Amino acid sequence: MKMKTARIHAFGDASVIRFDDVPRPRPGAGDVLVRVAATSFNPTEAALRAGLLQAFLPVELPYTLGWDVAGTIAGIGPGTEGFSVGDRVVGRLEGAGAAAEYVRAPGALLVPAPASVPLTHAAALPVAGLTAWQAVFEHGKVAAGQRVLVNGAGGGVGGFVTQLAKHAGAEVIATASARSDRAVRRHGADHVIDYTAGPVVTALDGPVDALLNLVALSSRDAAALASAVRPGGRIVSIATPVEPPADAGVRATHMVARNDAAHLAALVGLVDAGKVALDISASHPLADLANVHRLSEAGRIRGKVVIIP
């Protein structure tokens, strides 16, 4: 049986995304077959599509896009336990492939999807949520009573970082454009700085305990933000490395998120408990995926966008 997929056969601009009919995969040992309800768009996938990540994230072509998956179990491979056909699941795929009607996935990467939100919305959680979880709790060590600066709070990861830092009991200072101000405040930010209005540091009222940087920065802006972190504080960046002066007494981490089903299950629990909201700014059919890439590269996407096959 055939299924529709969104694949790239060459690196380049968004026009290289093709919509191919390919055989439906079969689950192997330890795998399940997921009927995809939705995947979600992550800006890093646009960089991968352009060929900018081949040095440290090489992929073979043709390559099916889609790292996030939410869907229902449609088949179970030999020796795979803990699943039944019809189960609602969510996960982050290691080799992508969720921009399709079906995807084969290792059962170990999947967890039960949140029961409190539409299954299509759950696709927004894995990549962005895991990145935020590890930035806030593992590397940032955010705790109650701290002052935390979230630089880039209006993006997909930023929404989760803001909510998780607030859930940890921190005072959250967020940077965002006027377009994202309302959403960032809804996520729990105590203060919002419009980064388009002037230098962020001049708008701060005193130093912060942690800087969580989620956007690309010039060397000048990175140095300015680093200066806002108190001695003994922490800097975590998922984008441009932000390095404090050697004598600042500040620990800096440039992180890449990893797949962790236990962390994802904890995030699902927070969603179902009403502690973390999924901010879905738009949904698009699979046929619009190239246009979503173009919108992202033009800076016209806020929050998370889900893609429905």
C-alpha atoms as a PDB file:
ATOM      1  CA  MET A   1       0.000   0.000   0.000  1.00  0.00           C
ATOM      2  CA  LYS A   2       1.158   3.504  -0.821  1.00  0.00           C
ATOM      3  CA  MET A   3       1.203   6.609   1.374  1.00  0.00           C
ATOM      4  CA  LYS A   4       1.966  10.300   0.876  1.00  0.00           C
ATOM      5  CA  THR A   5       5.225  11.748   2.257  1.00  0.00           C
ATOM      6  CA  ALA A   6       7.062  15.086   2.217  1.00  0.00           C
ATOM      7  CA  ARG A   7      10.687  14.427   1.258  1.00  0.00           C
ATOM      8  CA  ILE A   8      13.782  16.175   0.012  1.00  0.00           C
ATOM      9  CA  HIS A   9      15.925  14.631  -2.720  1.00  0.00           C
ATOM     10  CA  ALA A  10      18.467  17.465  -2.672  1.00  0.00           C
ATOM     11  CA  PHE A  11      19.430  20.316  -0.373  1.00  0.00           C
ATOM     12  CA  GLY A  12      18.263  23.808  -1.197  1.00  0.00           C
ATOM     13  CA  ASP A  13      15.452  26.274  -0.693  1.00  0.00           C
ATOM     14  CA  ALA A  14      11.897  25.273   0.197  1.00  0.00           C
ATOM     15  CA  SER A  15      11.162  24.325  -3.407  1.00  0.00           C
ATOM     16  CA  VAL A  16      13.183  21.102  -2.961  1.00  0.00           C
ATOM     17  CA  ILE A  17      10.388  19.644  -0.784  1.00  0.00           C
ATOM     18  CA  ARG A  18       8.549  17.035  -2.825  1.00  0.00           C
ATOM     19  CA  PHE A  19       5.404  15.073  -2.099  1.00  0.00           C
ATOM     20  CA  ASP A  20       5.991  11.452  -2.985  1.00  0.00           C
ATOM     21  CA  ASP A  21       3.929   8.293  -2.906  1.00  0.00           C
ATOM     22  CA  VAL A  22       5.985   5.570  -1.232  1.00  0.00           C
ATOM     23  CA  PRO A  23       5.236   2.121   0.200  1.00  0.00           C
ATOM     24  CA  ARG A  24       3.727   2.141   3.668  1.00  0.00           C
ATOM     25  CA  PRO A  25       6.392   0.893   6.122  1.00  0.00           C
ATOM     26  CA  ARG A  26       6.071  -2.250   8.188  1.00  0.00           C
ATOM     27  CA  PRO A  27       7.111  -2.328  11.843  1.00  0.00           C
ATOM     28  CA  GLY A  28      10.146  -4.429  12.673  1.00  0.00           C
ATOM     29  CA  ALA A  29      11.194  -5.907  15.984  1.00  0.00           C
ATOM     30  CA  GLY A  30      10.718  -3.349  18.751  1.00  0.00           C
ATOM     31  CA  ASP A  31       8.837  -1.013  16.404  1.00  0.00           C
ATOM     32  CA  VAL A  32       5.286   0.163  15.980  1.00  0.00           C
ATOM     33  CA  LEU A  33       3.517   1.583  12.960  1.00  0.00           C
ATOM     34  CA  VAL A  34       1.939   4.957  13.733  1.00  0.00           C
ATOM     35  CA  ARG A  35      -0.869   6.452  11.718  1.00  0.00           C
ATOM     36  CA  VAL A  36       0.208  10.089  11.848  1.00  0.00           C
ATOM     37  CA  ALA A  37      -2.346  12.575  13.143  1.00  0.00           C
ATOM     38  CA  ALA A  38       0.183  15.411  12.887  1.00  0.00           C
ATOM     39  CA  THR A  39       3.815  16.362  12.958  1.00  0.00           C
ATOM     40  CA  SER A  40       5.036  19.853  13.780  1.00  0.00           C
ATOM     41  CA  PHE A  41       7.438  22.261  12.175  1.00  0.00           C
ATOM     42  CA  ASN A  42      10.757  23.001  13.870  1.00  0.00           C
ATOM     43  CA  PRO A  43      12.959  25.791  12.458  1.00  0.00           C
ATOM     44  CA  THR A  44      15.994  23.513  12.600  1.00  0.00           C
ATOM     45  CA  GLU A  45      14.371  21.395   9.905  1.00  0.00           C
ATOM     46  CA  ALA A  46      14.607  24.347   7.519  1.00  0.00           C
ATOM     47  CA  ALA A  47      18.334  24.509   8.193  1.00  0.00           C
ATOM     48  CA  LEU A  48      18.605  20.760   7.597  1.00  0.00           C
ATOM     49  CA  ARG A  49      16.651  21.083   4.339  1.00  0.00           C
ATOM     50  CA  ALA A  50      19.059  23.815   3.218  1.00  0.00           C
ATOM     51  CA  GLY A  51      22.038  21.523   3.866  1.00  0.00           C
ATOM     52  CA  LEU A  52      23.423  23.632   6.709  1.00  0.00           C
ATOM     53  CA  LEU A  53      23.526  20.785   9.239  1.00  0.00           C
ATOM     54  CA  GLN A  54      25.353  18.115   7.269  1.00  0.00           C
ATOM     55  CA  ALA A  55      28.594  18.660   9.200  1.00  0.00           C
ATOM     56  CA  PHE A  56      27.120  17.460  12.498  1.00  0.00           C
ATOM     57  CA  LEU A  57      23.701  16.024  11.584  1.00  0.00           C
ATOM     58  CA  PRO A  58      24.266  14.198   8.296  1.00  0.00           C
ATOM     59  CA  VAL A  59      21.266  12.645   6.581  1.00  0.00           C
ATOM     60  CA  GLU A  60      20.901  10.432   3.550  1.00  0.00           C
ATOM     61  CA  LEU A  61      18.726  11.495   0.642  1.00  0.00           C
ATOM     62  CA  PRO A  62      15.899  11.152  -0.086  1.00  0.00           C
ATOM     63  CA  TYR A  63      14.948  12.237   3.427  1.00  0.00           C
ATOM     64  CA  THR A  64      11.446  12.389   4.874  1.00  0.00           C
ATOM     65  CA  LEU A  65      10.919  15.428   7.090  1.00  0.00           C
ATOM     66  CA  GLY A  66       9.124  15.516  10.430  1.00  0.00           C
ATOM     67  CA  TRP A  67      10.815  14.925  13.805  1.00  0.00           C
ATOM     68  CA  ASP A  68       7.704  15.218  15.986  1.00  0.00           C
ATOM     69  CA  VAL A  69       4.916  12.682  15.754  1.00  0.00           C
ATOM     70  CA  ALA A  70       1.487  12.315  17.299  1.00  0.00           C
ATOM     71  CA  GLY A  71      -0.833   9.583  16.154  1.00  0.00           C
ATOM     72  CA  THR A  72      -2.413   6.223  16.793  1.00  0.00           C
ATOM     73  CA  ILE A  73      -0.838   2.784  16.764  1.00  0.00           C
ATOM     74  CA  ALA A  74      -1.773   0.999  13.548  1.00  0.00           C
ATOM     75  CA  GLY A  75       0.549  -2.000  13.820  1.00  0.00           C
ATOM     76  CA  ILE A  76       2.949  -3.635  16.266  1.00  0.00           C
ATOM     77  CA  GLY A  77       6.253  -5.296  15.401  1.00  0.00           C
ATOM     78  CA  PRO A  78       7.519  -8.612  16.793  1.00  0.00           C
ATOM     79  CA  GLY A  79       8.504  -8.461  20.441  1.00  0.00           C
ATOM     80  CA  THR A  80       7.170  -4.939  20.951  1.00  0.00           C
ATOM     81  CA  GLU A  81       5.346  -4.732  24.255  1.00  0.00           C
ATOM     82  CA  GLY A  82       3.256  -2.126  26.025  1.00  0.00           C
ATOM     83  CA  PHE A  83       1.164  -1.016  23.040  1.00  0.00           C
ATOM     84  CA  SER A  84      -2.196  -1.894  21.554  1.00  0.00           C
ATOM     85  CA  VAL A  85      -3.585  -0.971  18.170  1.00  0.00           C
ATOM     86  CA  GLY A  86      -5.493   2.278  18.575  1.00  0.00           C
ATOM     87  CA  ASP A  87      -3.326   3.694  21.379  1.00  0.00           C
ATOM     88  CA  ARG A  88      -2.711   7.451  21.122  1.00  0.00           C
ATOM     89  CA  VAL A  89       1.013   8.173  21.261  1.00  0.00           C
ATOM     90  CA  VAL A  90       3.479  11.015  20.916  1.00  0.00           C
ATOM     91  CA  GLY A  91       7.242  11.039  20.436  1.00  0.00           C
ATOM     92  CA  ARG A  92      10.367  12.504  18.939  1.00  0.00           C
ATOM     93  CA  LEU A  93      11.770  10.475  16.055  1.00  0.00           C
ATOM     94  CA  GLU A  94      15.515  10.017  15.669  1.00  0.00           C
ATOM     95  CA  GLY A  95      15.530   9.664  11.906  1.00  0.00           C
ATOM     96  CA  ALA A  96      12.572  11.908  11.135  1.00  0.00           C
ATOM     97  CA  GLY A  97       9.853  10.618   8.854  1.00  0.00           C
ATOM     98  CA  ALA A  98       6.627  11.920  10.432  1.00  0.00           C
ATOM     99  CA  ALA A  99       5.760  14.220   7.522  1.00  0.00           C
ATOM    100  CA  ALA A 100       3.821  11.304   6.112  1.00  0.00           C
ATOM    101  CA  GLU A 101       0.578   9.417   6.548  1.00  0.00           C
ATOM    102  CA  TYR A 102       2.313   6.591   8.451  1.00  0.00           C
ATOM    103  CA  VAL A 103       5.681   6.224  10.127  1.00  0.00           C
ATOM    104  CA  ARG A 104       7.577   3.323  11.652  1.00  0.00           C
ATOM    105  CA  ALA A 105       8.944   4.228  15.086  1.00  0.00           C
ATOM    106  CA  PRO A 106      10.820   2.427  17.866  1.00  0.00           C
ATOM    107  CA  GLY A 107       8.363   1.825  20.679  1.00  0.00           C
ATOM    108  CA  ALA A 108      10.952   3.045  23.196  1.00  0.00           C
ATOM    109  CA  LEU A 109      10.662   6.590  21.815  1.00  0.00           C
ATOM    110  CA  LEU A 110       6.898   6.862  22.269  1.00  0.00           C
ATOM    111  CA  VAL A 111       4.762   7.710  25.290  1.00  0.00           C
ATOM    112  CA  PRO A 112       0.988   8.008  25.736  1.00  0.00           C
ATOM    113  CA  ALA A 113      -0.261  11.263  24.257  1.00  0.00           C
ATOM    114  CA  PRO A 114      -1.891  13.891  26.469  1.00  0.00           C
ATOM    115  CA  ALA A 115      -5.558  13.060  27.033  1.00  0.00           C
ATOM    116  CA  SER A 116      -6.587  16.687  27.572  1.00  0.00           C
ATOM    117  CA  VAL A 117      -5.729  18.135  24.154  1.00  0.00           C
ATOM    118  CA  PRO A 118      -6.483  17.232  20.530  1.00  0.00           C
ATOM    119  CA  LEU A 119      -4.083  14.611  19.254  1.00  0.00           C
ATOM    120  CA  THR A 120      -2.980  16.899  16.430  1.00  0.00           C
ATOM    121  CA  HIS A 121      -1.905  19.514  18.997  1.00  0.00           C
ATOM    122  CA  ALA A 122       0.216  16.975  20.875  1.00  0.00           C
ATOM    123  CA  ALA A 123       2.642  16.938  17.933  1.00  0.00           C
ATOM    124  CA  ALA A 124       3.900  20.335  19.104  1.00  0.00           C
ATOM    125  CA  LEU A 125       5.332  18.865  22.292  1.00  0.00           C
ATOM    126  CA  PRO A 126       8.303  16.500  21.724  1.00  0.00           C
ATOM    127  CA  VAL A 127      11.191  18.443  20.164  1.00  0.00           C
ATOM    128  CA  ALA A 128      10.404  21.886  21.571  1.00  0.00           C
ATOM    129  CA  GLY A 129       9.241  20.529  24.925  1.00  0.00           C
ATOM    130  CA  LEU A 130      12.275  18.308  25.454  1.00  0.00           C
ATOM    131  CA  THR A 131      14.602  21.166  24.524  1.00  0.00           C
ATOM    132  CA  ALA A 132      12.867  23.428  27.017  1.00  0.00           C
ATOM    133  CA  TRP A 133      12.818  20.811  29.785  1.00  0.00           C
ATOM    134  CA  GLN A 134      16.521  20.128  29.524  1.00  0.00           C
ATOM    135  CA  ALA A 135      17.405  23.828  29.237  1.00  0.00           C
ATOM    136  CA  VAL A 136      15.378  24.779  32.309  1.00  0.00           C
ATOM    137  CA  PHE A 137      15.939  21.840  34.638  1.00  0.00           C
ATOM    138  CA  GLU A 138      19.111  20.003  33.584  1.00  0.00           C
ATOM    139  CA  HIS A 139      21.362  22.815  32.468  1.00  0.00           C
ATOM    140  CA  GLY A 140      19.765  25.960  33.892  1.00  0.00           C
ATOM    141  CA  LYS A 141      18.984  24.428  37.293  1.00  0.00           C
ATOM    142  CA  VAL A 142      16.111  26.899  37.546  1.00  0.00           C
ATOM    143  CA  ALA A 143      14.590  26.972  41.020  1.00  0.00           C
ATOM    144  CA  ALA A 144      12.018  28.871  43.032  1.00  0.00           C
ATOM    145  CA  GLY A 145      12.946  32.453  43.846  1.00  0.00           C
ATOM    146  CA  GLN A 146      15.402  32.904  40.992  1.00  0.00           C
ATOM    147  CA  ARG A 147      15.233  35.641  38.355  1.00  0.00           C
ATOM    148  CA  VAL A 148      15.403  34.093  34.883  1.00  0.00           C
ATOM    149  CA  LEU A 149      15.805  35.905  31.563  1.00  0.00           C
ATOM    150  CA  VAL A 150      14.274  33.996  28.630  1.00  0.00           C
ATOM    151  CA  ASN A 151      15.657  35.491  25.431  1.00  0.00           C
ATOM    152  CA  GLY A 152      13.388  34.549  22.535  1.00  0.00           C
ATOM    153  CA  ALA A 153      10.252  33.690  24.477  1.00  0.00           C
ATOM    154  CA  GLY A 154       7.938  34.128  21.499  1.00  0.00           C
ATOM    155  CA  GLY A 155       9.162  31.053  19.627  1.00  0.00           C
ATOM    156  CA  GLY A 156       8.036  27.456  19.939  1.00  0.00           C
ATOM    157  CA  VAL A 157      10.738  26.497  22.430  1.00  0.00           C
ATOM    158  CA  GLY A 158      10.370  29.849  24.207  1.00  0.00           C
ATOM    159  CA  GLY A 159       6.760  29.204  25.102  1.00  0.00           C
ATOM    160  CA  PHE A 160       7.690  25.979  26.863  1.00  0.00           C
ATOM    161  CA  VAL A 161      10.769  27.496  28.531  1.00  0.00           C
ATOM    162  CA  THR A 162       8.695  30.345  29.928  1.00  0.00           C
ATOM    163  CA  GLN A 163       6.040  28.004  31.291  1.00  0.00           C
ATOM    164  CA  LEU A 164       8.518  25.561  32.803  1.00  0.00           C
ATOM    165  CA  ALA A 165      10.588  28.299  34.448  1.00  0.00           C
ATOM    166  CA  LYS A 166       7.419  29.747  35.930  1.00  0.00           C
ATOM    167  CA  HIS A 167       6.327  26.275  37.039  1.00  0.00           C
ATOM    168  CA  ALA A 168       9.676  25.960  38.826  1.00  0.00           C
ATOM    169  CA  GLY A 169       8.808  29.091  40.827  1.00  0.00           C
ATOM    170  CA  ALA A 170      11.114  31.568  39.096  1.00  0.00           C
ATOM    171  CA  GLU A 171      10.472  35.211  38.319  1.00  0.00           C
ATOM    172  CA  VAL A 172      10.472  35.178  34.528  1.00  0.00           C
ATOM    173  CA  ILE A 173      11.667  38.089  32.416  1.00  0.00           C
ATOM    174  CA  ALA A 174      11.022  37.388  28.754  1.00  0.00           C
ATOM    175  CA  THR A 175      12.089  39.076  25.539  1.00  0.00           C
ATOM    176  CA  ALA A 176       9.581  39.130  22.699  1.00  0.00           C
ATOM    177  CA  SER A 177       8.282  41.387  19.981  1.00  0.00           C
ATOM    178  CA  ALA A 178       5.006  43.248  20.384  1.00  0.00           C
ATOM    179  CA  ARG A 179       3.371  40.569  18.220  1.00  0.00           C
ATOM    180  CA  SER A 180       4.145  37.892  20.827  1.00  0.00           C
ATOM    181  CA  ASP A 181       3.682  39.990  23.982  1.00  0.00           C
ATOM    182  CA  ARG A 182       0.223  38.717  24.862  1.00  0.00           C
ATOM    183  CA  ALA A 183       1.084  35.051  24.336  1.00  0.00           C
ATOM    184  CA  VAL A 184       4.290  35.340  26.370  1.00  0.00           C
ATOM    185  CA  ARG A 185       2.422  36.911  29.282  1.00  0.00           C
ATOM    186  CA  ARG A 186      -0.210  34.187  29.020  1.00  0.00           C
ATOM    187  CA  HIS A 187       2.587  31.646  29.422  1.00  0.00           C
ATOM    188  CA  GLY A 188       3.464  33.200  32.758  1.00  0.00           C
ATOM    189  CA  ALA A 189       6.127  35.829  32.053  1.00  0.00           C
ATOM    190  CA  ASP A 190       6.238  38.378  34.865  1.00  0.00           C
ATOM    191  CA  HIS A 191       7.912  40.995  32.687  1.00  0.00           C
ATOM    192  CA  VAL A 192       8.213  41.292  28.911  1.00  0.00           C
ATOM    193  CA  ILE A 193      10.953  43.299  27.196  1.00  0.00           C
ATOM    194  CA  ASP A 194      10.380  44.305  23.575  1.00  0.00           C
ATOM    195  CA  TYR A 195      13.761  43.503  22.065  1.00  0.00           C
ATOM    196  CA  THR A 196      12.930  45.632  19.008  1.00  0.00           C
ATOM    197  CA  ALA A 197      12.685  48.787  21.152  1.00  0.00           C
ATOM    198  CA  GLY A 198      16.319  48.899  22.267  1.00  0.00           C
ATOM    199  CA  PRO A 199      19.049  46.964  24.072  1.00  0.00           C
ATOM    200  CA  VAL A 200      17.590  44.283  26.334  1.00  0.00           C
ATOM    201  CA  VAL A 201      20.162  44.817  29.074  1.00  0.00           C
ATOM    202  CA  THR A 202      19.232  48.473  29.569  1.00  0.00           C
ATOM    203  CA  ALA A 203      15.625  47.419  30.229  1.00  0.00           C
ATOM    204  CA  LEU A 204      16.584  44.967  32.967  1.00  0.00           C
ATOM    205  CA  ASP A 205      16.092  45.930  36.580  1.00  0.00           C
ATOM    206  CA  GLY A 206      19.172  44.295  38.045  1.00  0.00           C
ATOM    207  CA  PRO A 207      21.068  41.059  37.334  1.00  0.00           C
ATOM    208  CA  VAL A 208      19.498  37.662  36.716  1.00  0.00           C
ATOM    209  CA  ASP A 209      20.322  34.240  38.100  1.00  0.00           C
ATOM    210  CA  ALA A 210      19.986  32.505  34.759  1.00  0.00           C
ATOM    211  CA  LEU A 211      19.932  33.439  31.084  1.00  0.00           C
ATOM    212  CA  LEU A 212      18.184  30.994  28.757  1.00  0.00           C
ATOM    213  CA  ASN A 213      19.015  32.051  25.210  1.00  0.00           C
ATOM    214  CA  LEU A 214      16.931  30.611  22.394  1.00  0.00           C
ATOM    215  CA  VAL A 215      17.882  32.788  19.403  1.00  0.00           C
ATOM    216  CA  ALA A 216      20.859  33.576  17.198  1.00  0.00           C
ATOM    217  CA  LEU A 217      22.836  36.566  18.455  1.00  0.00           C
ATOM    218  CA  SER A 218      25.620  38.831  17.278  1.00  0.00           C
ATOM    219  CA  SER A 219      28.808  38.643  19.326  1.00  0.00           C
ATOM    220  CA  ARG A 220      28.037  42.096  20.738  1.00  0.00           C
ATOM    221  CA  ASP A 221      24.517  41.139  21.842  1.00  0.00           C
ATOM    222  CA  ALA A 222      25.746  37.851  23.290  1.00  0.00           C
ATOM    223  CA  ALA A 223      28.370  39.656  25.373  1.00  0.00           C
ATOM    224  CA  ALA A 224      25.813  42.207  26.568  1.00  0.00           C
ATOM    225  CA  LEU A 225      23.382  39.524  27.703  1.00  0.00           C
ATOM    226  CA  ALA A 226      26.149  37.572  29.418  1.00  0.00           C
ATOM    227  CA  SER A 227      26.960  40.660  31.471  1.00  0.00           C
ATOM    228  CA  ALA A 228      23.456  40.576  32.953  1.00  0.00           C
ATOM    229  CA  VAL A 229      24.061  37.268  34.779  1.00  0.00           C
ATOM    230  CA  ARG A 230      25.185  37.543  38.390  1.00  0.00           C
ATOM    231  CA  PRO A 231      28.305  35.763  39.651  1.00  0.00           C
ATOM    232  CA  GLY A 232      27.407  32.160  40.376  1.00  0.00           C
ATOM    233  CA  GLY A 233      24.622  32.232  37.795  1.00  0.00           C
ATOM    234  CA  ARG A 234      24.117  30.142  34.677  1.00  0.00           C
ATOM    235  CA  ILE A 235      23.835  30.706  30.959  1.00  0.00           C
ATOM    236  CA  VAL A 236      22.186  28.128  28.714  1.00  0.00           C
ATOM    237  CA  SER A 237      21.946  28.636  24.962  1.00  0.00           C
ATOM    238  CA  ILE A 238      20.369  26.433  22.326  1.00  0.00           C
ATOM    239  CA  ALA A 239      21.509  28.793  19.554  1.00  0.00           C
ATOM    240  CA  THR A 240      24.563  31.080  19.512  1.00  0.00           C
ATOM    241  CA  PRO A 241      27.010  30.151  22.271  1.00  0.00           C
ATOM    242  CA  VAL A 242      26.945  32.868  24.940  1.00  0.00           C
ATOM    243  CA  GLU A 243      30.223  33.022  26.846  1.00  0.00           C
ATOM    244  CA  PRO A 244      30.740  35.175  29.946  1.00  0.00           C
ATOM    245  CA  PRO A 245      34.119  36.755  30.778  1.00  0.00           C
ATOM    246  CA  ALA A 246      36.503  34.226  32.273  1.00  0.00           C
ATOM    247  CA  ASP A 247      36.459  35.953  35.656  1.00  0.00           C
ATOM    248  CA  ALA A 248      32.667  36.376  35.838  1.00  0.00           C
ATOM    249  CA  GLY A 249      32.030  33.239  37.872  1.00  0.00           C
ATOM    250  CA  VAL A 250      29.199  32.253  35.524  1.00  0.00           C
ATOM    251  CA  ARG A 251      28.714  28.743  34.145  1.00  0.00           C
ATOM    252  CA  ALA A 252      27.803  28.648  30.434  1.00  0.00           C
ATOM    253  CA  THR A 253      26.364  25.715  28.471  1.00  0.00           C
ATOM    254  CA  HIS A 254      25.726  25.455  24.744  1.00  0.00           C
ATOM    255  CA  MET A 255      23.268  22.573  24.588  1.00  0.00           C
ATOM    256  CA  VAL A 256      21.731  20.224  22.068  1.00  0.00           C
ATOM    257  CA  ALA A 257      18.613  18.468  23.318  1.00  0.00           C
ATOM    258  CA  ARG A 258      18.508  14.691  23.412  1.00  0.00           C
ATOM    259  CA  ASN A 259      15.656  12.262  23.116  1.00  0.00           C
ATOM    260  CA  ASP A 260      14.347  11.173  26.524  1.00  0.00           C
ATOM    261  CA  ALA A 261      11.027   9.371  26.845  1.00  0.00           C
ATOM    262  CA  ALA A 262      10.936   9.900  30.633  1.00  0.00           C
ATOM    263  CA  HIS A 263      11.225  13.670  30.186  1.00  0.00           C
ATOM    264  CA  LEU A 264       8.542  13.574  27.499  1.00  0.00           C
ATOM    265  CA  ALA A 265       6.205  11.592  29.768  1.00  0.00           C
ATOM    266  CA  ALA A 266       6.742  14.197  32.499  1.00  0.00           C
ATOM    267  CA  LEU A 267       5.820  16.943  30.039  1.00  0.00           C
ATOM    268  CA  VAL A 268       2.667  15.064  29.049  1.00  0.00           C
ATOM    269  CA  GLY A 269       1.779  14.890  32.733  1.00  0.00           C
ATOM    270  CA  LEU A 270       2.165  18.663  33.078  1.00  0.00           C
ATOM    271  CA  VAL A 271      -0.031  19.213  30.021  1.00  0.00           C
ATOM    272  CA  ASP A 272      -2.761  16.984  31.426  1.00  0.00           C
ATOM    273  CA  ALA A 273      -2.443  18.685  34.824  1.00  0.00           C
ATOM    274  CA  GLY A 274      -3.022  22.074  33.200  1.00  0.00           C
ATOM    275  CA  LYS A 275       0.476  23.277  34.113  1.00  0.00           C
ATOM    276  CA  VAL A 276       1.775  23.528  30.541  1.00  0.00           C
ATOM    277  CA  ALA A 277      -0.290  24.727  27.588  1.00  0.00           C
ATOM    278  CA  LEU A 278       0.327  23.894  23.939  1.00  0.00           C
ATOM    279  CA  ASP A 279       0.439  27.146  21.985  1.00  0.00           C
ATOM    280  CA  ILE A 280      -0.611  26.172  18.473  1.00  0.00           C
ATOM    281  CA  SER A 281      -0.427  29.279  16.310  1.00  0.00           C
ATOM    282  CA  ALA A 282      -1.478  27.550  13.077  1.00  0.00           C
ATOM    283  CA  SER A 283      -2.124  24.197  11.448  1.00  0.00           C
ATOM    284  CA  HIS A 284      -1.420  23.393   7.809  1.00  0.00           C
ATOM    285  CA  PRO A 285      -1.985  20.398   5.552  1.00  0.00           C
ATOM    286  CA  LEU A 286       1.076  18.470   4.484  1.00  0.00           C
ATOM    287  CA  ALA A 287       0.815  20.010   1.009  1.00  0.00           C
ATOM    288  CA  ASP A 288       1.596  23.436   2.534  1.00  0.00           C
ATOM    289  CA  LEU A 289       4.849  22.343   4.202  1.00  0.00           C
ATOM    290  CA  ALA A 290       7.100  24.195   1.760  1.00  0.00           C
ATOM    291  CA  ASN A 291       5.200  27.404   2.431  1.00  0.00           C
ATOM    292  CA  VAL A 292       5.601  26.869   6.189  1.00  0.00           C
ATOM    293  CA  HIS A 293       9.362  26.661   5.650  1.00  0.00           C
ATOM    294  CA  ARG A 294       9.246  29.937   3.729  1.00  0.00           C
ATOM    295  CA  LEU A 295       7.204  31.651   6.433  1.00  0.00           C
ATOM    296  CA  SER A 296       9.681  30.542   9.074  1.00  0.00           C
ATOM    297  CA  GLU A 297      12.667  31.764   7.109  1.00  0.00           C
ATOM    298  CA  ALA A 298      10.923  35.131   6.721  1.00  0.00           C
ATOM    299  CA  GLY A 299      10.425  35.366  10.490  1.00  0.00           C
ATOM    300  CA  ARG A 300       6.649  35.131  10.221  1.00  0.00           C
ATOM    301  CA  ILE A 301       5.930  32.195  12.549  1.00  0.00           C
ATOM    302  CA  ARG A 302       5.054  32.498  16.233  1.00  0.00           C
ATOM    303  CA  GLY A 303       4.598  29.584  18.612  1.00  0.00           C
ATOM    304  CA  LYS A 304       4.178  26.111  17.180  1.00  0.00           C
ATOM    305  CA  VAL A 305       2.777  25.097  13.814  1.00  0.00           C
ATOM    306  CA  VAL A 306       1.362  21.621  13.297  1.00  0.00           C
ATOM    307  CA  ILE A 307       1.320  19.803   9.965  1.00  0.00           C
ATOM    308  CA  ILE A 308      -1.548  17.411   9.244  1.00  0.00           C
ATOM    309  CA  PRO A 309      -1.134  14.687   6.563  1.00  0.00           C
END
